[in-house]
Amino acid sequence: MQRNEWIKFQLRIRGSSLSQLARDLGVTRQAVRNALSSRYPRMERVIAAEIGLDPEIIWPERYRKDYTAPNE
């Protein structure tokens, strides 16, 4: 998936990675990776913050037009 590669690239050019985020948060790498393929608001926020964007910009299909995650 191109978006996932873009996300990893954006992290890399900022000196980070999914693994680094996992270490910083004290969670498994898979916990962070889950946000790439399914809705996981906490990890979406972490990844987006590291890249410098809002999660709804990266994953617009996961958010309603008012930029709130469904059921949150």
PDB file of N, CA and C in Angstrom:
ATOM      1  N   MET A   1       0.845  -1.184   0.000  1.00  0.00           N
ATOM      2  CA  MET A   1       0.000   0.000   0.000  1.00  0.00           C
ATOM      3  C   MET A   1       0.888   1.244   0.000  1.00  0.00           C
ATOM      4  N   GLN A   2       0.628   2.141  -0.906  1.00  0.00           N
ATOM      5  CA  GLN A   2       1.455   3.330  -1.065  1.00  0.00           C
ATOM      6  C   GLN A   2       1.429   4.240   0.148  1.00  0.00           C
ATOM      7  N   ARG A   3       0.272   4.377   0.769  1.00  0.00           N
ATOM      8  CA  ARG A   3       0.190   5.266   1.928  1.00  0.00           C
ATOM      9  C   ARG A   3       1.089   4.767   3.048  1.00  0.00           C
ATOM     10  N   ASN A   4       1.108   3.464   3.283  1.00  0.00           N
ATOM     11  CA  ASN A   4       1.956   2.917   4.344  1.00  0.00           C
ATOM     12  C   ASN A   4       3.425   3.203   4.074  1.00  0.00           C
ATOM     13  N   GLU A   5       3.829   3.061   2.832  1.00  0.00           N
ATOM     14  CA  GLU A   5       5.217   3.359   2.477  1.00  0.00           C
ATOM     15  C   GLU A   5       5.504   4.839   2.649  1.00  0.00           C
ATOM     16  N   TRP A   6       4.544   5.688   2.305  1.00  0.00           N
ATOM     17  CA  TRP A   6       4.703   7.131   2.488  1.00  0.00           C
ATOM     18  C   TRP A   6       4.866   7.455   3.968  1.00  0.00           C
ATOM     19  N   ILE A   7       4.042   6.838   4.812  1.00  0.00           N
ATOM     20  CA  ILE A   7       4.124   7.069   6.262  1.00  0.00           C
ATOM     21  C   ILE A   7       5.502   6.658   6.772  1.00  0.00           C
ATOM     22  N   LYS A   8       5.955   5.476   6.395  1.00  0.00           N
ATOM     23  CA  LYS A   8       7.270   5.011   6.851  1.00  0.00           C
ATOM     24  C   LYS A   8       8.384   5.931   6.353  1.00  0.00           C
ATOM     25  N   PHE A   9       8.260   6.407   5.115  1.00  0.00           N
ATOM     26  CA  PHE A   9       9.238   7.341   4.570  1.00  0.00           C
ATOM     27  C   PHE A   9       9.243   8.645   5.365  1.00  0.00           C
ATOM     28  N   GLN A  10       8.053   9.177   5.650  1.00  0.00           N
ATOM     29  CA  GLN A  10       7.950  10.417   6.413  1.00  0.00           C
ATOM     30  C   GLN A  10       8.578  10.268   7.799  1.00  0.00           C
ATOM     31  N   LEU A  11       8.353   9.146   8.429  1.00  0.00           N
ATOM     32  CA  LEU A  11       8.974   8.888   9.733  1.00  0.00           C
ATOM     33  C   LEU A  11      10.494   8.830   9.597  1.00  0.00           C
ATOM     34  N   ARG A  12      10.957   8.119   8.573  1.00  0.00           N
ATOM     35  CA  ARG A  12      12.393   7.936   8.358  1.00  0.00           C
ATOM     36  C   ARG A  12      13.101   9.276   8.147  1.00  0.00           C
ATOM     37  N   ILE A  13      12.522  10.167   7.332  1.00  0.00           N
ATOM     38  CA  ILE A  13      13.198  11.438   7.075  1.00  0.00           C
ATOM     39  C   ILE A  13      13.165  12.345   8.307  1.00  0.00           C
ATOM     40  N   ARG A  14      12.342  11.998   9.273  1.00  0.00           N
ATOM     41  CA  ARG A  14      12.308  12.740  10.533  1.00  0.00           C
ATOM     42  C   ARG A  14      13.114  12.039  11.623  1.00  0.00           C
ATOM     43  N   GLY A  15      13.858  11.005  11.232  1.00  0.00           N
ATOM     44  CA  GLY A  15      14.710  10.298  12.177  1.00  0.00           C
ATOM     45  C   GLY A  15      13.965   9.344  13.081  1.00  0.00           C
ATOM     46  N   SER A  16      12.808   8.890  12.646  1.00  0.00           N
ATOM     47  CA  SER A  16      12.008   7.988  13.466  1.00  0.00           C
ATOM     48  C   SER A  16      11.615   6.762  12.646  1.00  0.00           C
ATOM     49  N   SER A  17      10.829   5.905  13.257  1.00  0.00           N
ATOM     50  CA  SER A  17      10.322   4.710  12.594  1.00  0.00           C
ATOM     51  C   SER A  17       9.176   4.162  13.426  1.00  0.00           C
ATOM     52  N   LEU A  18       8.471   3.206  12.869  1.00  0.00           N
ATOM     53  CA  LEU A  18       7.413   2.551  13.637  1.00  0.00           C
ATOM     54  C   LEU A  18       8.005   1.874  14.869  1.00  0.00           C
ATOM     55  N   SER A  19       9.161   1.265  14.708  1.00  0.00           N
ATOM     56  CA  SER A  19       9.825   0.604  15.837  1.00  0.00           C
ATOM     57  C   SER A  19      10.216   1.601  16.913  1.00  0.00           C
ATOM     58  N   GLN A  20      10.714   2.755  16.498  1.00  0.00           N
ATOM     59  CA  GLN A  20      11.106   3.779  17.470  1.00  0.00           C
ATOM     60  C   GLN A  20       9.887   4.295  18.228  1.00  0.00           C
ATOM     61  N   LEU A  21       8.799   4.518  17.522  1.00  0.00           N
ATOM     62  CA  LEU A  21       7.571   4.958  18.190  1.00  0.00           C
ATOM     63  C   LEU A  21       7.120   3.921  19.209  1.00  0.00           C
ATOM     64  N   ALA A  22       7.200   2.651  18.833  1.00  0.00           N
ATOM     65  CA  ALA A  22       6.809   1.575  19.748  1.00  0.00           C
ATOM     66  C   ALA A  22       7.684   1.589  20.999  1.00  0.00           C
ATOM     67  N   ARG A  23       8.992   1.734  20.815  1.00  0.00           N
ATOM     68  CA  ARG A  23       9.894   1.791  21.972  1.00  0.00           C
ATOM     69  C   ARG A  23       9.564   2.981  22.863  1.00  0.00           C
ATOM     70  N   ASP A  24       9.331   4.139  22.236  1.00  0.00           N
ATOM     71  CA  ASP A  24       9.015   5.352  23.006  1.00  0.00           C
ATOM     72  C   ASP A  24       7.736   5.191  23.813  1.00  0.00           C
ATOM     73  N   LEU A  25       6.781   4.449  23.264  1.00  0.00           N
ATOM     74  CA  LEU A  25       5.489   4.265  23.926  1.00  0.00           C
ATOM     75  C   LEU A  25       5.461   3.056  24.853  1.00  0.00           C
ATOM     76  N   GLY A  26       6.471   2.202  24.748  1.00  0.00           N
ATOM     77  CA  GLY A  26       6.488   0.987  25.557  1.00  0.00           C
ATOM     78  C   GLY A  26       5.481  -0.042  25.093  1.00  0.00           C
ATOM     79  N   VAL A  27       5.245  -0.085  23.771  1.00  0.00           N
ATOM     80  CA  VAL A  27       4.331  -1.068  23.192  1.00  0.00           C
ATOM     81  C   VAL A  27       5.076  -1.857  22.125  1.00  0.00           C
ATOM     82  N   THR A  28       4.440  -2.884  21.614  1.00  0.00           N
ATOM     83  CA  THR A  28       5.077  -3.668  20.559  1.00  0.00           C
ATOM     84  C   THR A  28       5.032  -2.914  19.234  1.00  0.00           C
ATOM     85  N   ARG A  29       5.938  -3.278  18.356  1.00  0.00           N
ATOM     86  CA  ARG A  29       5.946  -2.681  17.021  1.00  0.00           C
ATOM     87  C   ARG A  29       4.628  -2.995  16.323  1.00  0.00           C
ATOM     88  N   GLN A  30       4.102  -4.181  16.545  1.00  0.00           N
ATOM     89  CA  GLN A  30       2.845  -4.565  15.910  1.00  0.00           C
ATOM     90  C   GLN A  30       1.692  -3.670  16.359  1.00  0.00           C
ATOM     91  N   ALA A  31       1.723  -3.238  17.604  1.00  0.00           N
ATOM     92  CA  ALA A  31       0.669  -2.332  18.092  1.00  0.00           C
ATOM     93  C   ALA A  31       0.656  -1.046  17.264  1.00  0.00           C
ATOM     94  N   VAL A  32       1.828  -0.533  16.955  1.00  0.00           N
ATOM     95  CA  VAL A  32       1.909   0.681  16.142  1.00  0.00           C
ATOM     96  C   VAL A  32       1.530   0.364  14.700  1.00  0.00           C
ATOM     97  N   ARG A  33       2.020  -0.742  14.171  1.00  0.00           N
ATOM     98  CA  ARG A  33       1.722  -1.132  12.791  1.00  0.00           C
ATOM     99  C   ARG A  33       0.228  -1.339  12.549  1.00  0.00           C
ATOM    100  N   ASN A  34      -0.498  -1.734  13.578  1.00  0.00           N
ATOM    101  CA  ASN A  34      -1.932  -1.965  13.409  1.00  0.00           C
ATOM    102  C   ASN A  34      -2.656  -0.733  12.880  1.00  0.00           C
ATOM    103  N   ALA A  35      -2.160   0.437  13.216  1.00  0.00           N
ATOM    104  CA  ALA A  35      -2.795   1.673  12.744  1.00  0.00           C
ATOM    105  C   ALA A  35      -2.671   1.835  11.234  1.00  0.00           C
ATOM    106  N   LEU A  36      -1.726   1.159  10.617  1.00  0.00           N
ATOM    107  CA  LEU A  36      -1.575   1.264   9.168  1.00  0.00           C
ATOM    108  C   LEU A  36      -2.680   0.540   8.418  1.00  0.00           C
ATOM    109  N   SER A  37      -3.237  -0.495   9.036  1.00  0.00           N
ATOM    110  CA  SER A  37      -4.228  -1.300   8.321  1.00  0.00           C
ATOM    111  C   SER A  37      -5.640  -1.229   8.884  1.00  0.00           C
ATOM    112  N   SER A  38      -5.791  -0.754  10.102  1.00  0.00           N
ATOM    113  CA  SER A  38      -7.133  -0.656  10.669  1.00  0.00           C
ATOM    114  C   SER A  38      -7.207   0.511  11.641  1.00  0.00           C
ATOM    115  N   ARG A  39      -8.413   0.867  11.973  1.00  0.00           N
ATOM    116  CA  ARG A  39      -8.649   2.004  12.857  1.00  0.00           C
ATOM    117  C   ARG A  39      -8.064   1.762  14.239  1.00  0.00           C
ATOM    118  N   TYR A  40      -7.212   2.669  14.664  1.00  0.00           N
ATOM    119  CA  TYR A  40      -6.580   2.585  15.982  1.00  0.00           C
ATOM    120  C   TYR A  40      -6.245   4.026  16.383  1.00  0.00           C
ATOM    121  N   PRO A  41      -7.244   4.777  16.874  1.00  0.00           N
ATOM    122  CA  PRO A  41      -7.076   6.216  17.090  1.00  0.00           C
ATOM    123  C   PRO A  41      -5.839   6.616  17.886  1.00  0.00           C
ATOM    124  N   ARG A  42      -5.514   5.890  18.939  1.00  0.00           N
ATOM    125  CA  ARG A  42      -4.343   6.275  19.741  1.00  0.00           C
ATOM    126  C   ARG A  42      -3.077   6.257  18.896  1.00  0.00           C
ATOM    127  N   MET A  43      -2.861   5.176  18.167  1.00  0.00           N
ATOM    128  CA  MET A  43      -1.645   5.070  17.361  1.00  0.00           C
ATOM    129  C   MET A  43      -1.697   5.988  16.149  1.00  0.00           C
ATOM    130  N   GLU A  44      -2.882   6.206  15.604  1.00  0.00           N
ATOM    131  CA  GLU A  44      -3.011   7.151  14.499  1.00  0.00           C
ATOM    132  C   GLU A  44      -2.549   8.531  14.946  1.00  0.00           C
ATOM    133  N   ARG A  45      -2.952   8.935  16.146  1.00  0.00           N
ATOM    134  CA  ARG A  45      -2.547  10.248  16.671  1.00  0.00           C
ATOM    135  C   ARG A  45      -1.036  10.325  16.864  1.00  0.00           C
ATOM    136  N   VAL A  46      -0.438   9.247  17.369  1.00  0.00           N
ATOM    137  CA  VAL A  46       1.011   9.232  17.604  1.00  0.00           C
ATOM    138  C   VAL A  46       1.770   9.338  16.286  1.00  0.00           C
ATOM    139  N   ILE A  47       1.380   8.531  15.318  1.00  0.00           N
ATOM    140  CA  ILE A  47       2.052   8.551  14.012  1.00  0.00           C
ATOM    141  C   ILE A  47       1.887   9.923  13.365  1.00  0.00           C
ATOM    142  N   ALA A  48       0.663  10.425  13.362  1.00  0.00           N
ATOM    143  CA  ALA A  48       0.393  11.717  12.732  1.00  0.00           C
ATOM    144  C   ALA A  48       1.181  12.838  13.404  1.00  0.00           C
ATOM    145  N   ALA A  49       1.242  12.828  14.724  1.00  0.00           N
ATOM    146  CA  ALA A  49       1.989  13.867  15.441  1.00  0.00           C
ATOM    147  C   ALA A  49       3.464  13.827  15.072  1.00  0.00           C
ATOM    148  N   GLU A  50       4.002  12.636  14.945  1.00  0.00           N
ATOM    149  CA  GLU A  50       5.422  12.502  14.585  1.00  0.00           C
ATOM    150  C   GLU A  50       5.679  13.057  13.186  1.00  0.00           C
ATOM    151  N   ILE A  51       4.706  12.883  12.295  1.00  0.00           N
ATOM    152  CA  ILE A  51       4.845  13.378  10.922  1.00  0.00           C
ATOM    153  C   ILE A  51       4.520  14.868  10.843  1.00  0.00           C
ATOM    154  N   GLY A  52       3.714  15.352  11.781  1.00  0.00           N
ATOM    155  CA  GLY A  52       3.350  16.761  11.783  1.00  0.00           C
ATOM    156  C   GLY A  52       2.033  17.060  11.089  1.00  0.00           C
ATOM    157  N   LEU A  53       1.170  16.059  11.022  1.00  0.00           N
ATOM    158  CA  LEU A  53      -0.147  16.220  10.422  1.00  0.00           C
ATOM    159  C   LEU A  53      -1.214  15.742  11.382  1.00  0.00           C
ATOM    160  N   ASP A  54      -2.454  16.074  11.094  1.00  0.00           N
ATOM    161  CA  ASP A  54      -3.569  15.527  11.856  1.00  0.00           C
ATOM    162  C   ASP A  54      -3.920  14.155  11.289  1.00  0.00           C
ATOM    163  N   PRO A  55      -4.374  13.231  12.134  1.00  0.00           N
ATOM    164  CA  PRO A  55      -4.707  11.890  11.640  1.00  0.00           C
ATOM    165  C   PRO A  55      -5.752  11.896  10.531  1.00  0.00           C
ATOM    166  N   GLU A  56      -6.696  12.818  10.590  1.00  0.00           N
ATOM    167  CA  GLU A  56      -7.745  12.848   9.565  1.00  0.00           C
ATOM    168  C   GLU A  56      -7.215  13.246   8.196  1.00  0.00           C
ATOM    169  N   ILE A  57      -6.032  13.841   8.152  1.00  0.00           N
ATOM    170  CA  ILE A  57      -5.397  14.153   6.868  1.00  0.00           C
ATOM    171  C   ILE A  57      -4.772  12.889   6.285  1.00  0.00           C
ATOM    172  N   ILE A  58      -4.182  12.071   7.131  1.00  0.00           N
ATOM    173  CA  ILE A  58      -3.531  10.848   6.671  1.00  0.00           C
ATOM    174  C   ILE A  58      -4.552   9.761   6.349  1.00  0.00           C
ATOM    175  N   TRP A  59      -5.574   9.644   7.201  1.00  0.00           N
ATOM    176  CA  TRP A  59      -6.602   8.602   7.036  1.00  0.00           C
ATOM    177  C   TRP A  59      -7.985   9.240   6.945  1.00  0.00           C
ATOM    178  N   PRO A  60      -8.280  10.005   5.903  1.00  0.00           N
ATOM    179  CA  PRO A  60      -9.568  10.709   5.842  1.00  0.00           C
ATOM    180  C   PRO A  60     -10.774   9.769   5.846  1.00  0.00           C
ATOM    181  N   GLU A  61     -10.624   8.583   5.313  1.00  0.00           N
ATOM    182  CA  GLU A  61     -11.750   7.637   5.268  1.00  0.00           C
ATOM    183  C   GLU A  61     -12.125   7.112   6.652  1.00  0.00           C
ATOM    184  N   ARG A  62     -11.270   7.278   7.632  1.00  0.00           N
ATOM    185  CA  ARG A  62     -11.541   6.802   8.984  1.00  0.00           C
ATOM    186  C   ARG A  62     -12.242   7.847   9.844  1.00  0.00           C
ATOM    187  N   TYR A  63     -12.394   9.051   9.321  1.00  0.00           N
ATOM    188  CA  TYR A  63     -12.963  10.146  10.099  1.00  0.00           C
ATOM    189  C   TYR A  63     -14.153  10.742   9.371  1.00  0.00           C
ATOM    190  N   ARG A  64     -15.117  11.199  10.143  1.00  0.00           N
ATOM    191  CA  ARG A  64     -16.265  11.879   9.564  1.00  0.00           C
ATOM    192  C   ARG A  64     -15.834  13.262   9.101  1.00  0.00           C
ATOM    193  N   LYS A  65     -16.698  13.900   8.368  1.00  0.00           N
ATOM    194  CA  LYS A  65     -16.370  15.224   7.842  1.00  0.00           C
ATOM    195  C   LYS A  65     -16.096  16.253   8.932  1.00  0.00           C
ATOM    196  N   ASP A  66     -16.622  16.019  10.133  1.00  0.00           N
ATOM    197  CA  ASP A  66     -16.352  16.965  11.211  1.00  0.00           C
ATOM    198  C   ASP A  66     -15.052  16.615  11.940  1.00  0.00           C
ATOM    199  N   TYR A  67     -14.273  15.696  11.348  1.00  0.00           N
ATOM    200  CA  TYR A  67     -12.950  15.310  11.848  1.00  0.00           C
ATOM    201  C   TYR A  67     -12.980  14.667  13.229  1.00  0.00           C
ATOM    202  N   THR A  68     -14.015  13.918  13.498  1.00  0.00           N
ATOM    203  CA  THR A  68     -14.035  13.122  14.725  1.00  0.00           C
ATOM    204  C   THR A  68     -14.058  11.661  14.330  1.00  0.00           C
ATOM    205  N   ALA A  69     -13.360  10.872  15.083  1.00  0.00           N
ATOM    206  CA  ALA A  69     -13.359   9.438  14.805  1.00  0.00           C
ATOM    207  C   ALA A  69     -14.712   8.874  15.189  1.00  0.00           C
ATOM    208  N   PRO A  70     -15.285   8.001  14.383  1.00  0.00           N
ATOM    209  CA  PRO A  70     -16.558   7.382  14.762  1.00  0.00           C
ATOM    210  C   PRO A  70     -16.422   6.631  16.078  1.00  0.00           C
ATOM    211  N   ASN A  71     -17.444   6.705  16.889  1.00  0.00           N
ATOM    212  CA  ASN A  71     -17.491   5.988  18.177  1.00  0.00           C
ATOM    213  C   ASN A  71     -16.387   6.412  19.134  1.00  0.00           C
ATOM    214  N   GLU A  72     -15.904   7.607  19.017  1.00  0.00           N
ATOM    215  CA  GLU A  72     -14.853   8.052  19.946  1.00  0.00           C
ATOM    216  C   GLU A  72     -15.402   9.045  20.918  1.00  0.00           C
TER     217      GLU A  72
END
